[in-house]
Amino acid sequence: MMEMDAYGEHTICNIYLDTSDYRLIRRSIEKPVYKEKVRLRSYGRRGGGVLPRLCGA
């Protein structure tokens, strides 16, 4: 059985952005060799920071 370490108390929250016509996700679904994505990522403790609040953490 695994034991929780200090990292278990942290959250990773992502918000993915796209164009108004969903160009990035449509291109990604085509499985190109090189994919582009625009992502905001937040690392933090539960309940802390703006992105975790936006992501429901």
N, C-alpha and C. Protein backbone atom coordinates (compact mmCIF):
# COMPACT_ATOMS: atom_id res chain seq x y z
N MET A 1 0.84 -1.18 0.00
CA MET A 1 0.00 0.00 0.00
C MET A 1 0.89 1.24 0.00
N MET A 2 0.49 2.23 -0.78
CA MET A 2 1.26 3.47 -0.85
C MET A 2 0.88 4.39 0.29
N GLU A 3 1.86 5.13 0.75
CA GLU A 3 1.62 6.12 1.80
C GLU A 3 1.69 7.51 1.19
N MET A 4 0.82 8.40 1.68
CA MET A 4 0.83 9.78 1.19
C MET A 4 2.09 10.48 1.67
N ASP A 5 2.73 11.20 0.76
CA ASP A 5 3.88 12.00 1.12
C ASP A 5 3.49 13.48 1.06
N ALA A 6 4.45 14.36 1.21
CA ALA A 6 4.16 15.81 1.21
C ALA A 6 3.55 16.28 -0.10
N TYR A 7 3.83 15.58 -1.21
CA TYR A 7 3.29 15.99 -2.50
C TYR A 7 1.80 15.69 -2.61
N GLY A 8 1.29 14.79 -1.80
CA GLY A 8 -0.13 14.45 -1.83
C GLY A 8 -1.03 15.59 -1.40
N GLU A 9 -0.47 16.58 -0.78
CA GLU A 9 -1.24 17.74 -0.32
C GLU A 9 -1.28 18.86 -1.36
N HIS A 10 -0.70 18.65 -2.52
CA HIS A 10 -0.64 19.67 -3.56
C HIS A 10 -1.64 19.37 -4.68
N THR A 11 -2.05 20.42 -5.36
CA THR A 11 -2.92 20.26 -6.51
C THR A 11 -2.19 20.74 -7.76
N ILE A 12 -2.54 20.16 -8.88
CA ILE A 12 -2.08 20.63 -10.18
C ILE A 12 -3.34 20.95 -10.96
N CYS A 13 -3.44 22.19 -11.40
CA CYS A 13 -4.66 22.63 -12.07
C CYS A 13 -4.29 23.18 -13.45
N ASN A 14 -5.02 22.75 -14.49
CA ASN A 14 -4.77 23.19 -15.85
C ASN A 14 -6.01 23.86 -16.42
N ILE A 15 -5.79 24.93 -17.16
CA ILE A 15 -6.84 25.56 -17.96
C ILE A 15 -6.28 25.64 -19.37
N TYR A 16 -6.96 24.98 -20.30
CA TYR A 16 -6.54 24.99 -21.70
C TYR A 16 -7.33 26.04 -22.46
N LEU A 17 -6.64 26.79 -23.31
CA LEU A 17 -7.26 27.85 -24.10
C LEU A 17 -7.22 27.45 -25.57
N ASP A 18 -8.16 27.97 -26.34
CA ASP A 18 -8.23 27.66 -27.76
C ASP A 18 -8.76 28.88 -28.50
N THR A 19 -8.77 28.80 -29.82
CA THR A 19 -9.33 29.88 -30.63
C THR A 19 -10.85 29.78 -30.61
N SER A 20 -11.53 30.80 -31.08
CA SER A 20 -13.00 30.80 -31.08
C SER A 20 -13.58 29.71 -31.98
N ASP A 21 -12.79 29.24 -32.97
CA ASP A 21 -13.27 28.15 -33.83
C ASP A 21 -12.61 26.81 -33.48
N TYR A 22 -12.02 26.71 -32.29
CA TYR A 22 -11.44 25.46 -31.76
C TYR A 22 -10.35 24.89 -32.65
N ARG A 23 -9.55 25.76 -33.24
CA ARG A 23 -8.50 25.32 -34.15
C ARG A 23 -7.47 24.40 -33.48
N LEU A 24 -7.07 24.70 -32.27
CA LEU A 24 -6.03 23.91 -31.61
C LEU A 24 -6.49 22.49 -31.31
N ILE A 25 -7.69 22.32 -30.78
CA ILE A 25 -8.16 20.97 -30.46
C ILE A 25 -8.44 20.18 -31.74
N ARG A 26 -8.98 20.85 -32.77
CA ARG A 26 -9.24 20.13 -34.03
C ARG A 26 -7.93 19.63 -34.62
N ARG A 27 -6.90 20.45 -34.57
CA ARG A 27 -5.59 20.04 -35.09
C ARG A 27 -5.01 18.91 -34.23
N SER A 28 -5.18 18.96 -32.94
CA SER A 28 -4.66 17.94 -32.05
C SER A 28 -5.31 16.58 -32.31
N ILE A 29 -6.61 16.58 -32.60
CA ILE A 29 -7.34 15.34 -32.88
C ILE A 29 -6.81 14.67 -34.14
N GLU A 30 -6.24 15.46 -35.05
CA GLU A 30 -5.65 14.90 -36.28
C GLU A 30 -4.35 14.15 -36.02
N LYS A 31 -3.86 14.19 -34.79
CA LYS A 31 -2.63 13.52 -34.36
C LYS A 31 -1.39 13.92 -35.17
N PRO A 32 -1.08 15.21 -35.20
CA PRO A 32 0.13 15.63 -35.91
C PRO A 32 1.38 15.23 -35.11
N VAL A 33 2.53 15.27 -35.76
CA VAL A 33 3.79 14.96 -35.07
C VAL A 33 4.04 15.99 -33.98
N TYR A 34 3.78 17.25 -34.27
CA TYR A 34 3.99 18.34 -33.32
C TYR A 34 2.63 18.96 -32.98
N LYS A 35 2.28 18.98 -31.69
CA LYS A 35 1.03 19.58 -31.26
C LYS A 35 1.31 20.90 -30.55
N GLU A 36 0.40 21.83 -30.72
CA GLU A 36 0.47 23.09 -30.00
C GLU A 36 -0.70 23.17 -29.03
N LYS A 37 -0.44 23.71 -27.84
CA LYS A 37 -1.50 23.97 -26.89
C LYS A 37 -1.13 25.19 -26.06
N VAL A 38 -2.16 25.90 -25.65
CA VAL A 38 -1.97 27.05 -24.77
C VAL A 38 -2.59 26.65 -23.45
N ARG A 39 -1.76 26.57 -22.41
CA ARG A 39 -2.21 26.04 -21.14
C ARG A 39 -1.71 26.92 -20.00
N LEU A 40 -2.58 27.19 -19.05
CA LEU A 40 -2.19 27.80 -17.78
C LEU A 40 -2.14 26.67 -16.77
N ARG A 41 -1.04 26.56 -16.05
CA ARG A 41 -0.91 25.49 -15.07
C ARG A 41 -0.50 26.10 -13.73
N SER A 42 -1.15 25.62 -12.70
CA SER A 42 -0.85 26.09 -11.35
C SER A 42 -0.50 24.90 -10.48
N TYR A 43 0.53 25.05 -9.68
CA TYR A 43 0.90 24.05 -8.68
C TYR A 43 0.73 24.72 -7.33
N GLY A 44 0.08 24.06 -6.43
CA GLY A 44 -0.06 24.67 -5.12
C GLY A 44 -0.76 23.77 -4.13
N ARG A 45 -0.93 24.31 -2.95
CA ARG A 45 -1.63 23.57 -1.90
C ARG A 45 -3.13 23.68 -2.12
N ARG A 46 -3.85 22.70 -1.63
CA ARG A 46 -5.31 22.71 -1.75
C ARG A 46 -5.87 24.00 -1.19
N GLY A 47 -6.80 24.59 -1.96
CA GLY A 47 -7.47 25.79 -1.49
C GLY A 47 -6.67 27.07 -1.62
N GLY A 48 -5.48 27.02 -2.18
CA GLY A 48 -4.66 28.22 -2.30
C GLY A 48 -4.51 28.67 -3.73
N GLY A 49 -4.41 29.95 -3.95
CA GLY A 49 -4.15 30.47 -5.27
C GLY A 49 -5.40 30.66 -6.12
N VAL A 50 -5.26 31.41 -7.20
CA VAL A 50 -6.38 31.76 -8.07
C VAL A 50 -6.77 30.59 -8.96
N LEU A 51 -5.82 29.95 -9.64
CA LEU A 51 -6.16 28.87 -10.56
C LEU A 51 -6.84 27.71 -9.86
N PRO A 52 -6.34 27.23 -8.71
CA PRO A 52 -7.08 26.16 -8.05
C PRO A 52 -8.53 26.54 -7.73
N ARG A 53 -8.78 27.78 -7.37
CA ARG A 53 -10.16 28.20 -7.10
C ARG A 53 -10.99 28.15 -8.38
N LEU A 54 -10.40 28.57 -9.51
CA LEU A 54 -11.11 28.51 -10.78
C LEU A 54 -11.39 27.09 -11.20
N CYS A 55 -10.51 26.17 -10.83
CA CYS A 55 -10.64 24.76 -11.23
C CYS A 55 -11.46 23.96 -10.23
N GLY A 56 -11.96 24.58 -9.21
CA GLY A 56 -12.81 23.87 -8.26
C GLY A 56 -12.07 23.12 -7.18
N ALA A 57 -10.78 23.37 -7.02
CA ALA A 57 -10.02 22.68 -5.98
C ALA A 57 -10.22 23.34 -4.64
